[in-house]
PDB file of N, CA and C in Angstrom:
ATOM      1  N   MET A   1     -39.938  -3.582  -3.361  1.00  0.00           N
ATOM      2  CA  MET A   1     -39.492  -4.508  -3.596  1.00  0.00           C
ATOM      3  C   MET A   1     -38.374  -4.245  -4.958  1.00  0.00           C
ATOM      4  N   THR A   2     -37.436  -4.945  -5.262  1.00  0.00           N
ATOM      5  CA  THR A   2     -35.803  -3.928  -5.518  1.00  0.00           C
ATOM      6  C   THR A   2     -36.021  -5.489  -6.817  1.00  0.00           C
ATOM      7  N   PRO A   3     -35.536  -4.912  -7.879  1.00  0.00           N
ATOM      8  CA  PRO A   3     -35.612  -5.969  -9.322  1.00  0.00           C
ATOM      9  C   PRO A   3     -34.163  -6.575  -9.025  1.00  0.00           C
ATOM     10  N   LEU A   4     -33.933  -7.767  -9.596  1.00  0.00           N
ATOM     11  CA  LEU A   4     -32.689  -8.641  -9.091  1.00  0.00           C
ATOM     12  C   LEU A   4     -31.744  -8.106  -9.280  1.00  0.00           C
ATOM     13  N   PHE A   5     -32.022  -7.939 -11.247  1.00  0.00           N
ATOM     14  CA  PHE A   5     -30.952  -7.048 -12.276  1.00  0.00           C
ATOM     15  C   PHE A   5     -31.323  -5.539 -12.702  1.00  0.00           C
ATOM     16  N   VAL A   6     -30.391  -5.005 -12.683  1.00  0.00           N
ATOM     17  CA  VAL A   6     -30.579  -3.263 -12.681  1.00  0.00           C
ATOM     18  C   VAL A   6     -29.132  -3.240 -13.610  1.00  0.00           C
ATOM     19  N   ALA A   7     -29.691  -2.459 -14.395  1.00  0.00           N
ATOM     20  CA  ALA A   7     -28.935  -2.230 -15.331  1.00  0.00           C
ATOM     21  C   ALA A   7     -28.199  -0.664 -15.333  1.00  0.00           C
ATOM     22  N   HIS A   8     -26.875  -0.371 -15.067  1.00  0.00           N
ATOM     23  CA  HIS A   8     -26.508   0.337 -14.738  1.00  0.00           C
ATOM     24  C   HIS A   8     -25.877   1.151 -16.026  1.00  0.00           C
ATOM     25  N   HIS A   9     -25.536   2.374 -15.921  1.00  0.00           N
ATOM     26  CA  HIS A   9     -24.908   3.244 -17.555  1.00  0.00           C
ATOM     27  C   HIS A   9     -23.418   3.565 -16.511  1.00  0.00           C
ATOM     28  N   PRO A  10     -22.861   3.487 -17.341  1.00  0.00           N
ATOM     29  CA  PRO A  10     -21.625   3.951 -17.345  1.00  0.00           C
ATOM     30  C   PRO A  10     -21.354   5.338 -16.606  1.00  0.00           C
ATOM     31  N   TRP A  11     -22.208   6.600 -17.343  1.00  0.00           N
ATOM     32  CA  TRP A  11     -21.997   7.493 -17.265  1.00  0.00           C
ATOM     33  C   TRP A  11     -23.252   7.944 -15.606  1.00  0.00           C
ATOM     34  N   ALA A  12     -23.961   7.110 -15.163  1.00  0.00           N
ATOM     35  CA  ALA A  12     -25.242   7.331 -14.426  1.00  0.00           C
ATOM     36  C   ALA A  12     -24.675   7.183 -13.039  1.00  0.00           C
ATOM     37  N   PRO A  13     -24.444   7.581 -11.988  1.00  0.00           N
ATOM     38  CA  PRO A  13     -24.318   7.524 -10.497  1.00  0.00           C
ATOM     39  C   PRO A  13     -24.380   6.796  -9.451  1.00  0.00           C
ATOM     40  N   HIS A  14     -23.852   5.710  -9.553  1.00  0.00           N
ATOM     41  CA  HIS A  14     -24.062   4.801  -8.172  1.00  0.00           C
ATOM     42  C   HIS A  14     -23.618   4.602  -7.561  1.00  0.00           C
ATOM     43  N   SER A  15     -23.240   3.629  -6.279  1.00  0.00           N
ATOM     44  CA  SER A  15     -22.476   2.371  -5.587  1.00  0.00           C
ATOM     45  C   SER A  15     -21.183   2.586  -5.570  1.00  0.00           C
ATOM     46  N   GLU A  16     -20.673   2.301  -6.852  1.00  0.00           N
ATOM     47  CA  GLU A  16     -19.265   2.588  -7.874  1.00  0.00           C
ATOM     48  C   GLU A  16     -18.412   3.169  -7.793  1.00  0.00           C
ATOM     49  N   SER A  17     -17.278   3.427  -7.221  1.00  0.00           N
ATOM     50  CA  SER A  17     -16.688   5.192  -8.075  1.00  0.00           C
ATOM     51  C   SER A  17     -16.160   4.769  -9.490  1.00  0.00           C
ATOM     52  N   LEU A  18     -15.474   6.403 -10.355  1.00  0.00           N
ATOM     53  CA  LEU A  18     -14.653   6.282 -11.482  1.00  0.00           C
ATOM     54  C   LEU A  18     -14.037   4.762 -11.078  1.00  0.00           C
ATOM     55  N   LEU A  19     -13.133   4.328 -10.342  1.00  0.00           N
ATOM     56  CA  LEU A  19     -11.875   3.482 -10.386  1.00  0.00           C
ATOM     57  C   LEU A  19     -12.956   2.579 -11.083  1.00  0.00           C
ATOM     58  N   SER A  20     -14.031   1.922 -10.977  1.00  0.00           N
ATOM     59  CA  SER A  20     -14.356   0.274 -11.503  1.00  0.00           C
ATOM     60  C   SER A  20     -14.435   1.023 -12.812  1.00  0.00           C
ATOM     61  N   LEU A  21     -14.467   1.897 -13.095  1.00  0.00           N
ATOM     62  CA  LEU A  21     -14.709   1.835 -14.692  1.00  0.00           C
ATOM     63  C   LEU A  21     -13.409   1.458 -15.527  1.00  0.00           C
ATOM     64  N   LEU A  22     -12.149   1.416 -14.716  1.00  0.00           N
ATOM     65  CA  LEU A  22     -10.675   1.730 -15.134  1.00  0.00           C
ATOM     66  C   LEU A  22     -10.352   0.341 -15.038  1.00  0.00           C
ATOM     67  N   ASN A  23     -10.955  -0.787 -14.497  1.00  0.00           N
ATOM     68  CA  ASN A  23     -10.458  -1.827 -14.300  1.00  0.00           C
ATOM     69  C   ASN A  23     -10.482  -3.021 -15.301  1.00  0.00           C
ATOM     70  N   GLN A  24      -9.372  -3.698 -15.105  1.00  0.00           N
ATOM     71  CA  GLN A  24      -8.923  -4.617 -17.061  1.00  0.00           C
ATOM     72  C   GLN A  24      -8.617  -5.571 -16.085  1.00  0.00           C
ATOM     73  N   ASN A  25      -9.128  -6.497 -16.663  1.00  0.00           N
ATOM     74  CA  ASN A  25      -9.010  -8.686 -16.177  1.00  0.00           C
ATOM     75  C   ASN A  25      -9.340  -9.161 -17.696  1.00  0.00           C
ATOM     76  N   TRP A  26      -8.156  -9.596 -18.264  1.00  0.00           N
ATOM     77  CA  TRP A  26      -7.926 -10.037 -19.383  1.00  0.00           C
ATOM     78  C   TRP A  26      -7.554 -11.722 -19.318  1.00  0.00           C
ATOM     79  N   ARG A  27      -8.486 -12.367 -19.884  1.00  0.00           N
ATOM     80  CA  ARG A  27      -8.350 -14.081 -19.584  1.00  0.00           C
ATOM     81  C   ARG A  27      -7.908 -14.938 -20.957  1.00  0.00           C
ATOM     82  N   GLY A  28      -7.634 -15.546 -21.081  1.00  0.00           N
ATOM     83  CA  GLY A  28      -6.365 -16.370 -21.864  1.00  0.00           C
ATOM     84  C   GLY A  28      -6.610 -17.815 -21.859  1.00  0.00           C
ATOM     85  N   SER A  29      -6.334 -18.503 -23.152  1.00  0.00           N
ATOM     86  CA  SER A  29      -7.015 -19.617 -23.482  1.00  0.00           C
ATOM     87  C   SER A  29      -5.921 -20.297 -24.050  1.00  0.00           C
ATOM     88  N   LEU A  30      -4.771 -21.569 -24.852  1.00  0.00           N
ATOM     89  CA  LEU A  30      -4.665 -21.865 -25.249  1.00  0.00           C
ATOM     90  C   LEU A  30      -4.961 -23.982 -25.133  1.00  0.00           C
ATOM     91  N   ILE A  31      -5.306 -24.284 -26.139  1.00  0.00           N
ATOM     92  CA  ILE A  31      -6.027 -25.296 -26.357  1.00  0.00           C
ATOM     93  C   ILE A  31      -4.875 -26.089 -27.445  1.00  0.00           C
ATOM     94  N   LYS A  32      -4.260 -27.314 -27.294  1.00  0.00           N
ATOM     95  CA  LYS A  32      -4.496 -28.055 -28.187  1.00  0.00           C
ATOM     96  C   LYS A  32      -4.874 -29.824 -27.956  1.00  0.00           C
ATOM     97  N   ARG A  33      -5.314 -30.009 -29.189  1.00  0.00           N
ATOM     98  CA  ARG A  33      -5.311 -31.613 -29.293  1.00  0.00           C
ATOM     99  C   ARG A  33      -4.167 -32.868 -29.965  1.00  0.00           C
ATOM    100  N   PHE A  34      -4.274 -33.622 -29.538  1.00  0.00           N
ATOM    101  CA  PHE A  34      -3.022 -34.942 -30.195  1.00  0.00           C
ATOM    102  C   PHE A  34      -4.004 -35.896 -30.284  1.00  0.00           C
ATOM    103  N   PRO A  35      -4.415 -36.198 -31.308  1.00  0.00           N
ATOM    104  CA  PRO A  35      -5.508 -37.468 -31.350  1.00  0.00           C
ATOM    105  C   PRO A  35      -4.035 -38.970 -31.815  1.00  0.00           C
ATOM    106  N   PHE A  36      -4.523 -39.464 -30.930  1.00  0.00           N
ATOM    107  CA  PHE A  36      -4.012 -40.983 -31.625  1.00  0.00           C
ATOM    108  C   PHE A  36      -4.758 -42.172 -31.275  1.00  0.00           C
ATOM    109  N   ALA A  37      -5.751 -42.489 -31.786  1.00  0.00           N
ATOM    110  CA  ALA A  37      -6.305 -43.250 -32.866  1.00  0.00           C
ATOM    111  C   ALA A  37      -7.657 -42.067 -33.820  1.00  0.00           C
ATOM    112  N   GLU A  38      -8.761 -43.289 -34.156  1.00  0.00           N
ATOM    113  CA  GLU A  38      -9.401 -42.664 -35.148  1.00  0.00           C
ATOM    114  C   GLU A  38     -10.627 -41.865 -34.602  1.00  0.00           C
ATOM    115  N   SER A  39     -11.233 -41.819 -33.442  1.00  0.00           N
ATOM    116  CA  SER A  39     -11.903 -41.027 -32.655  1.00  0.00           C
ATOM    117  C   SER A  39     -11.672 -40.875 -31.395  1.00  0.00           C
ATOM    118  N   LYS A  40     -10.481 -40.759 -31.241  1.00  0.00           N
ATOM    119  CA  LYS A  40      -9.571 -40.415 -29.478  1.00  0.00           C
ATOM    120  C   LYS A  40      -8.503 -39.543 -29.739  1.00  0.00           C
ATOM    121  N   ASN A  41      -8.872 -38.623 -28.730  1.00  0.00           N
ATOM    122  CA  ASN A  41      -7.607 -37.652 -28.962  1.00  0.00           C
ATOM    123  C   ASN A  41      -7.170 -37.502 -27.484  1.00  0.00           C
ATOM    124  N   ILE A  42      -5.963 -36.619 -26.957  1.00  0.00           N
ATOM    125  CA  ILE A  42      -5.697 -36.121 -25.736  1.00  0.00           C
ATOM    126  C   ILE A  42      -5.769 -34.155 -25.754  1.00  0.00           C
ATOM    127  N   GLU A  43      -6.612 -33.615 -24.960  1.00  0.00           N
ATOM    128  CA  GLU A  43      -6.448 -32.549 -25.312  1.00  0.00           C
ATOM    129  C   GLU A  43      -5.858 -31.695 -23.645  1.00  0.00           C
ATOM    130  N   PHE A  44      -5.118 -30.745 -24.453  1.00  0.00           N
ATOM    131  CA  PHE A  44      -4.349 -30.329 -23.286  1.00  0.00           C
ATOM    132  C   PHE A  44      -4.621 -28.802 -23.594  1.00  0.00           C
ATOM    133  N   ARG A  45      -4.879 -27.815 -22.114  1.00  0.00           N
ATOM    134  CA  ARG A  45      -5.527 -26.570 -22.183  1.00  0.00           C
ATOM    135  C   ARG A  45      -4.252 -26.220 -20.744  1.00  0.00           C
ATOM    136  N   ALA A  46      -4.105 -24.884 -21.576  1.00  0.00           N
ATOM    137  CA  ALA A  46      -3.145 -23.834 -20.618  1.00  0.00           C
ATOM    138  C   ALA A  46      -4.801 -22.323 -21.022  1.00  0.00           C
ATOM    139  N   GLU A  47      -5.054 -21.819 -19.437  1.00  0.00           N
ATOM    140  CA  GLU A  47      -6.021 -20.406 -19.075  1.00  0.00           C
ATOM    141  C   GLU A  47      -5.331 -20.201 -18.057  1.00  0.00           C
ATOM    142  N   PHE A  48      -5.623 -19.032 -18.966  1.00  0.00           N
ATOM    143  CA  PHE A  48      -4.747 -18.003 -17.781  1.00  0.00           C
ATOM    144  C   PHE A  48      -5.985 -16.304 -17.452  1.00  0.00           C
ATOM    145  N   PHE A  49      -5.774 -16.392 -15.828  1.00  0.00           N
ATOM    146  CA  PHE A  49      -6.627 -15.383 -15.807  1.00  0.00           C
ATOM    147  C   PHE A  49      -5.862 -14.092 -15.087  1.00  0.00           C
ATOM    148  N   ASN A  50      -6.343 -12.611 -15.201  1.00  0.00           N
ATOM    149  CA  ASN A  50      -5.470 -11.247 -14.881  1.00  0.00           C
ATOM    150  C   ASN A  50      -4.167 -11.535 -15.625  1.00  0.00           C
ATOM    151  N   LEU A  51      -4.514 -12.039 -17.472  1.00  0.00           N
ATOM    152  CA  LEU A  51      -3.557 -12.428 -17.852  1.00  0.00           C
ATOM    153  C   LEU A  51      -2.196 -11.472 -17.829  1.00  0.00           C
ATOM    154  N   PHE A  52      -2.098 -10.267 -17.592  1.00  0.00           N
ATOM    155  CA  PHE A  52      -1.822  -8.937 -17.838  1.00  0.00           C
ATOM    156  C   PHE A  52      -0.805  -8.579 -16.544  1.00  0.00           C
ATOM    157  N   ASN A  53      -1.166  -9.606 -15.920  1.00  0.00           N
ATOM    158  CA  ASN A  53      -0.809  -9.492 -14.284  1.00  0.00           C
ATOM    159  C   ASN A  53      -1.153  -7.617 -13.609  1.00  0.00           C
ATOM    160  N   HIS A  54      -2.588  -6.619 -14.576  1.00  0.00           N
ATOM    161  CA  HIS A  54      -2.822  -5.497 -14.066  1.00  0.00           C
ATOM    162  C   HIS A  54      -4.232  -5.194 -12.514  1.00  0.00           C
ATOM    163  N   VAL A  55      -2.775  -4.763 -11.840  1.00  0.00           N
ATOM    164  CA  VAL A  55      -3.904  -4.102 -10.497  1.00  0.00           C
ATOM    165  C   VAL A  55      -4.756  -3.859 -10.582  1.00  0.00           C
ATOM    166  N   ASN A  56      -6.338  -3.843 -10.246  1.00  0.00           N
ATOM    167  CA  ASN A  56      -7.194  -2.938  -9.843  1.00  0.00           C
ATOM    168  C   ASN A  56      -7.341  -2.905  -8.423  1.00  0.00           C
ATOM    169  N   PHE A  57      -7.008  -1.550  -8.364  1.00  0.00           N
ATOM    170  CA  PHE A  57      -7.089  -1.076  -6.547  1.00  0.00           C
ATOM    171  C   PHE A  57      -9.070  -1.156  -6.414  1.00  0.00           C
ATOM    172  N   ALA A  58      -9.510  -1.288  -5.029  1.00  0.00           N
ATOM    173  CA  ALA A  58     -10.455  -1.019  -4.896  1.00  0.00           C
ATOM    174  C   ALA A  58     -10.677   0.407  -4.608  1.00  0.00           C
ATOM    175  N   ASN A  59     -11.965   0.631  -4.527  1.00  0.00           N
ATOM    176  CA  ASN A  59     -12.430   2.021  -4.081  1.00  0.00           C
ATOM    177  C   ASN A  59     -12.236   2.423  -2.311  1.00  0.00           C
ATOM    178  N   PRO A  60     -11.671   3.781  -2.379  1.00  0.00           N
ATOM    179  CA  PRO A  60     -10.818   4.525  -1.568  1.00  0.00           C
ATOM    180  C   PRO A  60     -12.014   4.484  -0.257  1.00  0.00           C
ATOM    181  N   ILE A  61     -11.522   4.103   1.274  1.00  0.00           N
ATOM    182  CA  ILE A  61     -12.149   4.303   1.919  1.00  0.00           C
ATOM    183  C   ILE A  61     -13.161   5.840   1.990  1.00  0.00           C
ATOM    184  N   ASN A  62     -14.281   5.699   2.076  1.00  0.00           N
ATOM    185  CA  ASN A  62     -15.432   6.921   1.993  1.00  0.00           C
ATOM    186  C   ASN A  62     -16.026   6.718   3.711  1.00  0.00           C
ATOM    187  N   ASN A  63     -15.998   6.257   4.093  1.00  0.00           N
ATOM    188  CA  ASN A  63     -15.930   6.772   6.206  1.00  0.00           C
ATOM    189  C   ASN A  63     -15.851   7.557   6.437  1.00  0.00           C
ATOM    190  N   LEU A  64     -17.216   8.743   6.332  1.00  0.00           N
ATOM    191  CA  LEU A  64     -16.098   9.716   7.385  1.00  0.00           C
ATOM    192  C   LEU A  64     -15.771   9.247   8.588  1.00  0.00           C
ATOM    193  N   ASN A  65     -16.381   8.098   9.588  1.00  0.00           N
ATOM    194  CA  ASN A  65     -15.983   7.801  11.118  1.00  0.00           C
ATOM    195  C   ASN A  65     -14.638   7.264  11.032  1.00  0.00           C
ATOM    196  N   ALA A  66     -14.429   7.285   9.939  1.00  0.00           N
ATOM    197  CA  ALA A  66     -12.769   6.367   9.611  1.00  0.00           C
ATOM    198  C   ALA A  66     -12.082   8.049  10.623  1.00  0.00           C
ATOM    199  N   VAL A  67     -12.183   9.155  10.751  1.00  0.00           N
ATOM    200  CA  VAL A  67     -11.670  10.313  10.665  1.00  0.00           C
ATOM    201  C   VAL A  67     -11.340  10.082  12.369  1.00  0.00           C
ATOM    202  N   PRO A  68     -10.336  10.169  12.797  1.00  0.00           N
ATOM    203  CA  PRO A  68     -10.621   9.925  14.585  1.00  0.00           C
ATOM    204  C   PRO A  68     -11.125  11.567  15.653  1.00  0.00           C
ATOM    205  N   ALA A  69     -11.603  11.160  16.140  1.00  0.00           N
ATOM    206  CA  ALA A  69     -12.453  12.916  17.031  1.00  0.00           C
ATOM    207  C   ALA A  69     -10.879  13.134  17.136  1.00  0.00           C
ATOM    208  N   THR A  70      -9.801  12.702  17.343  1.00  0.00           N
ATOM    209  CA  THR A  70      -8.735  13.692  17.969  1.00  0.00           C
ATOM    210  C   THR A  70      -8.313  14.599  16.654  1.00  0.00           C
ATOM    211  N   SER A  71      -8.207  14.017  16.154  1.00  0.00           N
ATOM    212  CA  SER A  71      -7.912  14.810  14.739  1.00  0.00           C
ATOM    213  C   SER A  71      -8.083  15.879  14.070  1.00  0.00           C
ATOM    214  N   ILE A  72      -9.528  16.482  14.912  1.00  0.00           N
ATOM    215  CA  ILE A  72     -10.258  17.781  14.274  1.00  0.00           C
ATOM    216  C   ILE A  72     -10.290  18.861  15.428  1.00  0.00           C
ATOM    217  N   ASP A  73      -9.721  19.754  15.063  1.00  0.00           N
ATOM    218  CA  ASP A  73      -9.197  21.418  15.650  1.00  0.00           C
ATOM    219  C   ASP A  73     -10.450  22.085  15.713  1.00  0.00           C
ATOM    220  N   PRO A  74     -10.764  21.297  17.739  1.00  0.00           N
ATOM    221  CA  PRO A  74     -12.308  22.215  18.386  1.00  0.00           C
ATOM    222  C   PRO A  74     -12.121  23.764  18.033  1.00  0.00           C
ATOM    223  N   ASN A  75     -11.277  24.281  17.615  1.00  0.00           N
ATOM    224  CA  ASN A  75     -11.891  25.599  17.509  1.00  0.00           C
ATOM    225  C   ASN A  75     -11.990  25.929  16.541  1.00  0.00           C
ATOM    226  N   THR A  76     -11.450  25.358  14.686  1.00  0.00           N
ATOM    227  CA  THR A  76     -12.424  25.839  12.970  1.00  0.00           C
ATOM    228  C   THR A  76     -12.703  24.684  12.861  1.00  0.00           C
ATOM    229  N   GLY A  77     -12.969  23.664  13.818  1.00  0.00           N
ATOM    230  CA  GLY A  77     -14.004  22.441  13.391  1.00  0.00           C
ATOM    231  C   GLY A  77     -12.808  21.500  11.821  1.00  0.00           C
ATOM    232  N   ARG A  78     -11.912  22.705  11.788  1.00  0.00           N
ATOM    233  CA  ARG A  78     -10.954  21.491  10.402  1.00  0.00           C
ATOM    234  C   ARG A  78     -10.387  20.375  10.217  1.00  0.00           C
ATOM    235  N   ILE A  79     -10.296  19.418   9.737  1.00  0.00           N
ATOM    236  CA  ILE A  79      -9.770  18.496  10.053  1.00  0.00           C
ATOM    237  C   ILE A  79      -8.411  18.095   9.667  1.00  0.00           C
ATOM    238  N   ILE A  80      -7.857  17.755  11.207  1.00  0.00           N
ATOM    239  CA  ILE A  80      -6.201  18.205  11.160  1.00  0.00           C
ATOM    240  C   ILE A  80      -5.474  16.598  10.133  1.00  0.00           C
ATOM    241  N   ASN A  81      -5.830  15.680  10.599  1.00  0.00           N
ATOM    242  CA  ASN A  81      -5.107  14.365  10.352  1.00  0.00           C
ATOM    243  C   ASN A  81      -6.564  13.906   9.429  1.00  0.00           C
ATOM    244  N   PRO A  82      -6.678  13.247   8.273  1.00  0.00           N
ATOM    245  CA  PRO A  82      -7.932  12.436   7.832  1.00  0.00           C
ATOM    246  C   PRO A  82      -7.681  11.453   8.066  1.00  0.00           C
ATOM    247  N   GLY A  83      -7.220  10.795   8.609  1.00  0.00           N
ATOM    248  CA  GLY A  83      -7.066   9.157   9.072  1.00  0.00           C
ATOM    249  C   GLY A  83      -7.054   8.613   7.731  1.00  0.00           C
ATOM    250  N   ASP A  84      -8.065   7.196   7.924  1.00  0.00           N
ATOM    251  CA  ASP A  84      -7.846   6.817   6.779  1.00  0.00           C
ATOM    252  C   ASP A  84      -9.054   7.035   5.125  1.00  0.00           C
ATOM    253  N   PHE A  85     -10.045   8.377   5.581  1.00  0.00           N
ATOM    254  CA  PHE A  85     -10.709   8.326   4.651  1.00  0.00           C
ATOM    255  C   PHE A  85      -9.678   8.870   3.694  1.00  0.00           C
ATOM    256  N   GLY A  86     -10.502   8.192   2.300  1.00  0.00           N
ATOM    257  CA  GLY A  86     -10.131   8.538   1.401  1.00  0.00           C
ATOM    258  C   GLY A  86      -9.138   7.654   0.644  1.00  0.00           C
ATOM    259  N   ARG A  87      -8.505   6.855   1.438  1.00  0.00           N
ATOM    260  CA  ARG A  87      -7.089   5.971   1.455  1.00  0.00           C
ATOM    261  C   ARG A  87      -7.425   4.633   0.571  1.00  0.00           C
ATOM    262  N   ILE A  88      -6.837   4.153   0.144  1.00  0.00           N
ATOM    263  CA  ILE A  88      -7.123   2.872  -0.882  1.00  0.00           C
ATOM    264  C   ILE A  88      -6.198   1.848  -0.156  1.00  0.00           C
ATOM    265  N   ILE A  89      -7.008   0.764   0.267  1.00  0.00           N
ATOM    266  CA  ILE A  89      -6.152   0.035   1.036  1.00  0.00           C
ATOM    267  C   ILE A  89      -6.058  -1.700   0.410  1.00  0.00           C
ATOM    268  N   SER A  90      -6.608  -1.454  -0.464  1.00  0.00           N
ATOM    269  CA  SER A  90      -6.664  -2.816  -1.232  1.00  0.00           C
ATOM    270  C   SER A  90      -6.462  -3.386  -2.612  1.00  0.00           C
ATOM    271  N   THR A  91      -7.049  -4.258  -3.092  1.00  0.00           N
ATOM    272  CA  THR A  91      -6.627  -4.596  -4.850  1.00  0.00           C
ATOM    273  C   THR A  91      -8.336  -5.138  -4.958  1.00  0.00           C
ATOM    274  N   SER A  92      -8.921  -4.856  -5.663  1.00  0.00           N
ATOM    275  CA  SER A  92      -9.929  -5.711  -5.619  1.00  0.00           C
ATOM    276  C   SER A  92     -10.034  -7.076  -6.800  1.00  0.00           C
ATOM    277  N   ASN A  93      -8.886  -7.745  -7.438  1.00  0.00           N
ATOM    278  CA  ASN A  93      -8.529  -8.947  -8.088  1.00  0.00           C
ATOM    279  C   ASN A  93      -7.877  -9.861  -7.612  1.00  0.00           C
ATOM    280  N   ASN A  94      -7.226 -10.664  -8.167  1.00  0.00           N
ATOM    281  CA  ASN A  94      -6.443 -11.774  -8.141  1.00  0.00           C
ATOM    282  C   ASN A  94      -5.406 -11.324  -8.647  1.00  0.00           C
ATOM    283  N   PRO A  95      -4.420 -11.571  -8.274  1.00  0.00           N
ATOM    284  CA  PRO A  95      -2.878 -11.967  -9.141  1.00  0.00           C
ATOM    285  C   PRO A  95      -2.962 -12.626 -10.197  1.00  0.00           C
ATOM    286  N   ARG A  96      -1.977 -12.674 -11.249  1.00  0.00           N
ATOM    287  CA  ARG A  96      -2.159 -13.896 -12.196  1.00  0.00           C
ATOM    288  C   ARG A  96      -2.358 -15.351 -12.138  1.00  0.00           C
ATOM    289  N   LEU A  97      -3.262 -15.885 -12.673  1.00  0.00           N
ATOM    290  CA  LEU A  97      -3.643 -16.887 -12.224  1.00  0.00           C
ATOM    291  C   LEU A  97      -3.347 -18.104 -13.833  1.00  0.00           C
ATOM    292  N   ILE A  98      -2.631 -19.217 -13.560  1.00  0.00           N
ATOM    293  CA  ILE A  98      -2.271 -20.179 -14.637  1.00  0.00           C
ATOM    294  C   ILE A  98      -2.957 -21.488 -14.112  1.00  0.00           C
ATOM    295  N   GLN A  99      -4.023 -21.959 -14.829  1.00  0.00           N
ATOM    296  CA  GLN A  99      -4.114 -23.423 -15.174  1.00  0.00           C
ATOM    297  C   GLN A  99      -4.408 -24.798 -15.958  1.00  0.00           C
ATOM    298  N   PHE A 100      -3.310 -25.448 -15.253  1.00  0.00           N
ATOM    299  CA  PHE A 100      -3.113 -26.380 -16.735  1.00  0.00           C
ATOM    300  C   PHE A 100      -4.209 -27.614 -16.303  1.00  0.00           C
ATOM    301  N   ALA A 101      -4.227 -28.911 -17.567  1.00  0.00           N
ATOM    302  CA  ALA A 101      -5.870 -29.668 -17.810  1.00  0.00           C
ATOM    303  C   ALA A 101      -5.274 -30.295 -18.750  1.00  0.00           C
ATOM    304  N   LEU A 102      -5.357 -31.346 -18.663  1.00  0.00           N
ATOM    305  CA  LEU A 102      -5.660 -32.719 -19.651  1.00  0.00           C
ATOM    306  C   LEU A 102      -7.124 -33.037 -19.398  1.00  0.00           C
ATOM    307  N   LYS A 103      -7.225 -34.090 -20.683  1.00  0.00           N
ATOM    308  CA  LYS A 103      -8.744 -33.950 -21.054  1.00  0.00           C
ATOM    309  C   LYS A 103      -8.387 -35.252 -22.462  1.00  0.00           C
ATOM    310  N   LEU A 104      -8.607 -36.303 -21.500  1.00  0.00           N
ATOM    311  CA  LEU A 104      -9.180 -37.322 -22.553  1.00  0.00           C
ATOM    312  C   LEU A 104     -10.450 -38.316 -23.394  1.00  0.00           C
ATOM    313  N   ASN A 105     -10.371 -37.633 -24.781  1.00  0.00           N
ATOM    314  CA  ASN A 105     -11.614 -37.914 -25.288  1.00  0.00           C
ATOM    315  C   ASN A 105     -12.092 -38.755 -26.488  1.00  0.00           C
ATOM    316  N   PHE A 106     -13.114 -39.360 -25.792  1.00  0.00           N
ATOM    317  CA  PHE A 106     -13.608 -40.552 -26.455  1.00  0.00           C
ATOM    318  C   PHE A 106     -14.761 -41.056 -27.012  1.00  0.00           C
TER     319      PHE A 106
END
C-alpha cells in the first residue's frame, strides 16, 4: 500500500528532474475597498498568476524508445541521430493570467 502523501527532499532522487527545482511561479493580488455606506462597500480585486511571466520548461523526454531504430549504427551500436531523446518540447506552466473581480459587501 502506498501512502497518500510522501515528503520528498530536494536533494533526494525521485521522478522529477533538477529542472523542477528551478520552477518559478509568482502570484500576487491587489485589493481596494470603496465604502459607500456605514456597513457597505465595493471591493475591487486584481489577481495575477505567473506575475513575471517566467517560463518553466517541462522535463526532457527520457524515453529511450524515442530513438528511431534506423539511427543506430549496426556495426558499432553508436547512436547517430538521438531523435527526441533529451529534448524539451513543452512548458509546465501557463503564461501570465490576470483576473479582475468586483464584490459587493453588505
